[in-house]
């Protein structure tokens, strides 16, 4: 592998097919995003109609009340609106993410899931064909890392759907994957080619594959933390007796359930990121005869580890729950993005293999 002349020739034709199928996958993901968004809009309308019917029944029950009884009834009505919102939410989805018949009858969401499987199939072919075209693993530069990472995000989400109804995340996940593919294609276009000599090592299979998995898990938990903050804000408004400005969020579990689920994902992501750092150090010793050299990439990989370690410790022992834990997790994912983009492009170091 050290002799470039001994490397197998690049299959340009297969590389072009990879780019074509990557574009097709991005288009289908975009359609999936639109359908999931329409599903939320339709669900929002249905829930609003349920509210209107419930308020109408309450109004009919208050007919005939007069004087102090009418005033007391009005006060009970205002308090009841907040309670009813939570009750209707409980009727749709529980904190265990179990849905009622109302939410399960979402044909548009089902169509979106089927199309997302199609997109993943196209996406998987694009990733595998690029690997076959280059005769190596398909994560040797930023384009390949991002497209492979997007594939893992989508695949993990669909596999999770088999065990839990996470269609409420469909808009966020499909939108995130579409954005990643567009960013890879537009921001980091890289022709199929051989790896630079420093990357021609078996450690690239171990180190980078684990990094892709960890980053993908952090991306999914990031989406959940955003939903957690939205749900927390909505629940505070309802508790204060204000109107529900995000009715579609009733198909989303409560903020506590989202936080717990994101915490579990981050725990797995943290373990895999720890293996990423360890494998990187071992590879660095084999390539540069030192385990750690404070290279910008190494520093920021350590920063990410520290942030998520702080998140897990603060939530487990320091009582950091609710929005504080969500924001700390989000900061961790922003560090992942910074490490992948800014550090790769603008920082000079031994890890400058962006391919741009």
Protein backbone atom coordinates (compact mmCIF):
# COMPACT_ATOMS: atom_id res chain seq x y z
CA UNK A 1 0.00 0.00 0.00
CA UNK A 2 2.93 2.38 0.40
CA UNK A 3 3.76 2.21 -3.29
CA UNK A 4 1.23 4.25 -5.26
CA UNK A 5 2.12 2.38 -8.44
CA UNK A 6 0.92 -0.88 -6.88
CA UNK A 7 -2.54 0.50 -6.17
CA UNK A 8 -5.46 -0.78 -8.26
CA UNK A 9 -6.73 1.68 -10.88
CA UNK A 10 -9.72 3.85 -10.05
CA UNK A 11 -13.00 2.75 -11.63
CA UNK A 12 -14.17 6.13 -12.96
CA UNK A 13 -17.41 4.74 -14.36
CA UNK A 14 -18.47 3.26 -11.03
CA UNK A 15 -17.47 6.51 -9.36
CA UNK A 16 -19.88 8.40 -11.64
CA UNK A 17 -22.66 5.98 -10.74
CA UNK A 18 -21.90 6.64 -7.08
CA UNK A 19 -22.31 10.39 -7.57
CA UNK A 20 -25.55 9.86 -9.51
CA UNK A 21 -27.10 7.64 -6.86
CA UNK A 22 -25.95 10.01 -4.12
CA UNK A 23 -27.83 12.79 -5.90
CA UNK A 24 -30.92 10.58 -6.29
CA UNK A 25 -30.78 9.69 -2.60
CA UNK A 26 -30.58 13.37 -1.63
CA UNK A 27 -33.64 14.11 -3.79
CA UNK A 28 -35.66 11.30 -2.20
CA UNK A 29 -34.60 12.42 1.29
CA UNK A 30 -35.85 15.90 0.37
CA UNK A 31 -39.22 14.45 -0.63
CA UNK A 32 -39.32 12.48 2.63
CA UNK A 33 -38.68 15.69 4.56
CA UNK A 34 -41.59 17.41 2.81
CA UNK A 35 -43.97 14.50 3.44
CA UNK A 36 -43.02 14.29 7.12
CA UNK A 37 -43.59 18.07 7.39
CA UNK A 38 -47.00 17.72 5.72
CA UNK A 39 -47.82 14.91 8.13
CA UNK A 40 -47.09 17.21 11.07
CA UNK A 41 -49.22 19.94 9.50
CA UNK A 42 -52.11 17.53 9.01
CA UNK A 43 -51.71 16.22 12.55
CA UNK A 44 -51.71 19.80 13.80
CA UNK A 45 -55.03 20.40 12.04
CA UNK A 46 -56.56 17.21 13.46
CA UNK A 47 -55.49 18.07 17.00
CA UNK A 48 -56.84 21.61 16.63
CA UNK A 49 -60.19 20.15 15.57
CA UNK A 50 -60.12 17.87 18.62
CA UNK A 51 -59.50 20.89 20.83
CA UNK A 52 -62.33 22.84 19.22
CA UNK A 53 -64.72 19.96 19.77
CA UNK A 54 -63.63 19.62 23.40
CA UNK A 55 -64.04 23.35 24.04
CA UNK A 56 -67.46 23.28 22.41
CA UNK A 57 -68.57 20.50 24.75
CA UNK A 58 -67.30 22.48 27.72
CA UNK A 59 -69.13 25.57 26.56
CA UNK A 60 -72.37 23.60 26.28
CA UNK A 61 -71.89 22.32 29.82
CA UNK A 62 -71.50 25.90 31.06
CA UNK A 63 -74.69 27.07 29.40
CA UNK A 64 -77.22 28.12 32.01
CA UNK A 65 -74.64 29.07 34.60
CA UNK A 66 -75.11 32.55 35.99
CA UNK A 67 -73.65 34.96 38.55
CA UNK A 68 -70.88 33.57 40.73
CA UNK A 69 -71.32 30.13 39.31
CA UNK A 70 -70.61 31.45 35.81
CA UNK A 71 -67.49 33.27 37.00
CA UNK A 72 -66.21 30.20 38.80
CA UNK A 73 -66.97 28.11 35.73
CA UNK A 74 -64.98 30.51 33.58
CA UNK A 75 -61.99 30.19 35.89
CA UNK A 76 -62.29 26.42 35.84
CA UNK A 77 -62.43 26.54 32.07
CA UNK A 78 -59.17 28.47 31.81
CA UNK A 79 -57.43 26.07 34.15
CA UNK A 80 -58.96 23.16 32.32
CA UNK A 81 -57.55 24.25 28.96
CA UNK A 82 -54.01 23.66 30.18
CA UNK A 83 -54.96 20.35 31.79
CA UNK A 84 -56.88 19.28 28.67
CA UNK A 85 -53.85 19.94 26.48
CA UNK A 86 -51.79 17.58 28.60
CA UNK A 87 -54.61 15.03 28.69
CA UNK A 88 -55.01 15.09 24.93
CA UNK A 89 -51.23 14.75 24.62
CA UNK A 90 -51.34 11.73 26.94
CA UNK A 91 -54.12 10.29 24.79
CA UNK A 92 -51.84 10.53 21.74
CA UNK A 93 -48.43 9.44 23.07
CA UNK A 94 -47.12 8.34 26.44
CA UNK A 95 -43.70 8.98 27.92
CA UNK A 96 -42.79 5.43 26.90
CA UNK A 97 -43.36 6.52 23.29
CA UNK A 98 -46.41 4.31 22.87
CA UNK A 99 -48.98 5.79 20.51
CA UNK A 100 -52.75 5.53 20.43
CA UNK A 101 -54.88 4.66 17.45
CA UNK A 102 -55.24 8.36 16.59
CA UNK A 103 -51.52 8.81 16.04
CA UNK A 104 -50.90 5.41 14.45
CA UNK A 105 -53.32 6.24 11.62
CA UNK A 106 -50.92 8.58 9.85
CA UNK A 107 -50.79 7.44 6.21
CA UNK A 108 -48.48 10.25 5.14
CA UNK A 109 -45.96 9.30 7.80
CA UNK A 110 -46.10 5.69 6.62
CA UNK A 111 -45.43 6.81 3.04
CA UNK A 112 -42.50 8.91 4.27
CA UNK A 113 -41.00 5.90 6.06
CA UNK A 114 -41.30 3.71 2.95
CA UNK A 115 -39.66 6.39 0.80
CA UNK A 116 -36.92 6.81 3.39
CA UNK A 117 -36.10 3.11 3.08
CA UNK A 118 -35.82 3.67 -0.67
CA UNK A 119 -33.52 6.65 -0.07
CA UNK A 120 -31.35 4.58 2.26
CA UNK A 121 -31.09 1.84 -0.37
CA UNK A 122 -29.97 4.38 -3.00
CA UNK A 123 -27.65 5.99 -0.48
CA UNK A 124 -26.13 2.66 0.50
CA UNK A 125 -25.48 1.78 -3.14
CA UNK A 126 -23.77 5.15 -3.63
CA UNK A 127 -21.49 4.61 -0.62
CA UNK A 128 -20.63 1.01 -1.50
CA UNK A 129 -20.05 1.77 -5.19
CA UNK A 130 -17.64 4.57 -4.26
CA UNK A 131 -15.74 2.13 -2.07
CA UNK A 132 -15.57 -0.41 -4.90
CA UNK A 133 -14.51 2.28 -7.37
CA UNK A 134 -11.59 3.33 -5.15
CA UNK A 135 -10.81 -0.18 -3.81
CA UNK A 136 -10.86 1.06 -0.23
CA UNK A 137 -13.16 2.11 2.59
CA UNK A 138 -15.31 5.12 1.61
CA UNK A 139 -14.27 7.61 4.31
CA UNK A 140 -10.94 9.04 3.22
CA UNK A 141 -11.95 12.72 3.01
CA UNK A 142 -14.65 15.12 4.20
CA UNK A 143 -17.03 14.29 1.35
CA UNK A 144 -16.88 10.59 2.07
CA UNK A 145 -16.99 11.01 5.85
CA UNK A 146 -20.11 13.19 5.62
CA UNK A 147 -21.96 11.03 3.09
CA UNK A 148 -21.17 7.85 5.03
CA UNK A 149 -22.15 9.55 8.28
CA UNK A 150 -25.47 10.65 6.78
CA UNK A 151 -26.09 7.07 5.69
CA UNK A 152 -25.45 5.78 9.23
CA UNK A 153 -27.79 8.43 10.71
CA UNK A 154 -30.63 7.43 8.36
CA UNK A 155 -30.04 3.70 8.79
CA UNK A 156 -29.87 3.86 12.60
CA UNK A 157 -33.10 5.88 12.64
CA UNK A 158 -34.94 3.39 10.43
CA UNK A 159 -33.70 0.41 12.44
CA UNK A 160 -34.85 2.16 15.64
CA UNK A 161 -38.28 2.60 14.02
CA UNK A 162 -38.66 -1.17 14.00
CA UNK A 163 -38.61 -1.19 17.80
CA UNK A 164 -40.03 2.25 18.67
CA UNK A 165 -42.39 4.61 16.86
CA UNK A 166 -40.02 7.54 16.35
CA UNK A 167 -41.84 9.04 13.39
CA UNK A 168 -42.07 12.30 15.31
CA UNK A 169 -38.35 12.68 14.54
CA UNK A 170 -38.81 12.07 10.83
CA UNK A 171 -38.78 15.73 9.82
CA UNK A 172 -35.62 16.43 11.81
CA UNK A 173 -33.72 13.31 10.73
CA UNK A 174 -34.63 13.50 7.03
CA UNK A 175 -33.89 17.23 7.03
CA UNK A 176 -30.53 16.67 8.72
CA UNK A 177 -29.55 13.92 6.28
CA UNK A 178 -30.60 16.04 3.29
CA UNK A 179 -28.57 18.94 4.62
CA UNK A 180 -25.52 16.71 5.14
CA UNK A 181 -25.67 15.34 1.60
CA UNK A 182 -26.11 18.82 0.11
CA UNK A 183 -23.20 20.13 2.18
CA UNK A 184 -21.01 17.22 1.10
CA UNK A 185 -21.91 17.61 -2.58
CA UNK A 186 -21.73 21.40 -2.74
CA UNK A 187 -19.17 22.22 -0.05
CA UNK A 188 -16.73 19.31 -0.27
CA UNK A 189 -16.95 17.74 -3.75
CA UNK A 190 -14.08 15.29 -4.11
CA UNK A 191 -13.42 12.99 -7.08
CA UNK A 192 -12.87 9.32 -6.42
CA UNK A 193 -9.18 8.72 -5.75
CA UNK A 194 -6.65 6.82 -3.72
CA UNK A 195 -5.87 7.63 -0.11
CA UNK A 196 -2.90 9.80 0.73
CA UNK A 197 0.02 7.67 2.02
CA UNK A 198 -0.56 8.61 5.67
CA UNK A 199 -4.08 7.15 5.52
CA UNK A 200 -3.07 3.90 3.83
CA UNK A 201 -3.30 1.90 7.03
CA UNK A 202 -5.66 -0.74 8.42
CA UNK A 203 -6.33 1.65 11.30
CA UNK A 204 -8.49 3.80 9.04
CA UNK A 205 -11.10 1.04 9.07
CA UNK A 206 -11.20 0.97 12.87
CA UNK A 207 -10.59 4.60 13.83
CA UNK A 208 -12.72 6.40 11.24
CA UNK A 209 -15.60 3.90 11.19
CA UNK A 210 -16.04 4.29 14.96
CA UNK A 211 -15.80 8.09 14.57
CA UNK A 212 -18.56 7.97 11.93
CA UNK A 213 -20.78 5.91 14.23
CA UNK A 214 -20.16 8.17 17.24
CA UNK A 215 -20.81 11.35 15.23
CA UNK A 216 -24.02 9.85 13.85
CA UNK A 217 -25.27 8.99 17.34
CA UNK A 218 -24.46 12.51 18.54
CA UNK A 219 -26.42 13.89 15.57
CA UNK A 220 -29.50 11.86 16.52
CA UNK A 221 -29.29 12.91 20.18
CA UNK A 222 -28.89 16.52 18.99
CA UNK A 223 -32.21 16.27 17.13
CA UNK A 224 -33.84 14.86 20.27
CA UNK A 225 -32.42 17.61 22.46
CA UNK A 226 -33.82 20.27 20.11
CA UNK A 227 -37.24 18.61 20.36
CA UNK A 228 -36.81 18.45 24.13
CA UNK A 229 -36.26 22.21 24.34
CA UNK A 230 -39.29 22.88 22.12
CA UNK A 231 -41.45 20.56 24.22
CA UNK A 232 -40.19 22.07 27.47
CA UNK A 233 -41.03 25.59 26.27
CA UNK A 234 -44.48 24.45 25.16
CA UNK A 235 -45.21 22.74 28.48
CA UNK A 236 -44.18 25.89 30.39
CA UNK A 237 -46.63 27.93 28.31
CA UNK A 238 -49.43 25.50 29.02
CA UNK A 239 -48.63 25.44 32.73
CA UNK A 240 -48.89 29.24 32.73
CA UNK A 241 -52.35 29.02 31.16
CA UNK A 242 -51.20 30.33 27.78
CA UNK A 243 -52.34 29.03 24.42
CA UNK A 244 -50.65 26.10 22.74
CA UNK A 245 -48.68 27.58 19.84
CA UNK A 246 -47.19 24.21 18.82
CA UNK A 247 -50.12 21.76 18.74
CA UNK A 248 -48.25 19.32 16.50
CA UNK A 249 -45.82 18.72 19.38
CA UNK A 250 -48.53 16.60 21.02
CA UNK A 251 -47.41 13.72 18.83
CA UNK A 252 -43.97 14.14 20.42
CA UNK A 253 -43.31 12.55 23.83
CA UNK A 254 -42.80 14.73 26.88
CA UNK A 255 -39.58 16.63 27.49
CA UNK A 256 -38.53 14.17 30.20
CA UNK A 257 -38.90 11.16 27.92
CA UNK A 258 -36.92 12.88 25.17
CA UNK A 259 -34.19 13.80 27.64
CA UNK A 260 -33.90 10.23 28.91
CA UNK A 261 -33.76 8.81 25.39
CA UNK A 262 -31.11 11.36 24.31
CA UNK A 263 -29.11 10.54 27.45
CA UNK A 264 -29.03 6.84 26.53
CA UNK A 265 -27.92 7.64 22.98
CA UNK A 266 -25.23 10.02 24.24
CA UNK A 267 -23.98 7.34 26.62
CA UNK A 268 -23.41 4.96 23.70
CA UNK A 269 -21.99 7.80 21.61
CA UNK A 270 -19.56 8.73 24.38
CA UNK A 271 -18.27 5.15 24.65
CA UNK A 272 -17.73 4.95 20.89
CA UNK A 273 -16.04 8.36 20.86
CA UNK A 274 -13.71 7.17 23.63
CA UNK A 275 -12.72 4.24 21.41
CA UNK A 276 -12.25 6.75 18.58
CA UNK A 277 -9.73 8.76 20.60
CA UNK A 278 -7.92 5.64 21.80
CA UNK A 279 -7.72 4.13 18.31
CA UNK A 280 -6.50 7.48 16.97
CA UNK A 281 -3.71 7.57 19.54
CA UNK A 282 -2.61 4.05 18.65
CA UNK A 283 -2.66 4.92 14.95
CA UNK A 284 -0.68 8.10 15.66
CA UNK A 285 2.03 6.07 17.41
CA UNK A 286 2.25 3.73 14.42
CA UNK A 287 2.37 6.60 11.90
CA UNK A 288 4.31 9.32 13.74
CA UNK A 289 5.96 7.45 16.65
CA UNK A 290 4.00 9.30 19.33
CA UNK A 291 0.58 8.70 20.88
CA UNK A 292 -0.31 12.35 21.41
CA UNK A 293 1.11 15.53 19.92
CA UNK A 294 -1.53 18.23 20.58
CA UNK A 295 -2.37 18.44 16.89
CA UNK A 296 -5.50 20.66 16.38
CA UNK A 297 -7.58 17.62 15.45
CA UNK A 298 -6.39 15.74 18.51
CA UNK A 299 -7.09 18.72 20.75
CA UNK A 300 -10.65 19.14 19.51
CA UNK A 301 -11.34 15.43 19.67
CA UNK A 302 -10.33 15.66 23.33
CA UNK A 303 -12.53 18.75 23.81
CA UNK A 304 -15.51 16.80 22.47
CA UNK A 305 -14.72 13.96 24.86
CA UNK A 306 -14.52 16.37 27.81
CA UNK A 307 -17.82 18.10 26.95
CA UNK A 308 -19.77 14.85 26.68
CA UNK A 309 -18.04 13.46 29.76
CA UNK A 310 -19.11 16.60 31.61
CA UNK A 311 -22.64 16.20 30.28
CA UNK A 312 -22.92 12.59 31.46
CA UNK A 313 -21.36 13.37 34.85
CA UNK A 314 -23.47 16.49 35.45
CA UNK A 315 -26.70 14.72 34.60
CA UNK A 316 -25.93 11.56 36.54
CA UNK A 317 -24.49 13.08 39.71
CA UNK A 318 -24.98 16.84 39.60
CA UNK A 319 -28.70 16.94 39.00
CA UNK A 320 -28.37 18.73 35.68
CA UNK A 321 -31.66 17.83 34.09
CA UNK A 322 -34.07 19.62 31.79
CA UNK A 323 -32.91 22.41 29.47
CA UNK A 324 -29.45 22.65 31.06
CA UNK A 325 -28.54 19.09 30.12
CA UNK A 326 -30.04 19.58 26.65
CA UNK A 327 -27.96 22.69 26.01
CA UNK A 328 -24.79 20.97 27.22
CA UNK A 329 -25.42 18.10 24.82
CA UNK A 330 -26.08 20.56 21.99
CA UNK A 331 -22.79 22.33 22.76
CA UNK A 332 -21.07 18.94 22.45
CA UNK A 333 -22.55 18.40 18.99
CA UNK A 334 -21.55 21.92 17.93
CA UNK A 335 -18.00 20.98 18.94
CA UNK A 336 -18.29 17.91 16.70
CA UNK A 337 -19.34 20.13 13.78
CA UNK A 338 -16.53 22.61 14.53
CA UNK A 339 -14.00 19.77 14.65
CA UNK A 340 -15.22 18.36 11.36
CA UNK A 341 -15.48 21.62 9.40
CA UNK A 342 -13.44 24.53 10.78
CA UNK A 343 -10.56 22.43 12.14
CA UNK A 344 -10.31 20.35 8.96
CA UNK A 345 -10.38 23.34 6.61
CA UNK A 346 -8.63 26.20 8.42
CA UNK A 347 -6.25 24.57 10.93
CA UNK A 348 -2.92 23.25 9.72
CA UNK A 349 -1.96 19.92 11.17
CA UNK A 350 -1.09 16.32 10.53
CA UNK A 351 -4.80 15.51 10.11
CA UNK A 352 -5.37 17.84 7.15
CA UNK A 353 -7.00 15.32 4.83
CA UNK A 354 -10.12 17.29 3.97
CA UNK A 355 -9.84 16.57 0.28
CA UNK A 356 -10.90 20.13 -0.63
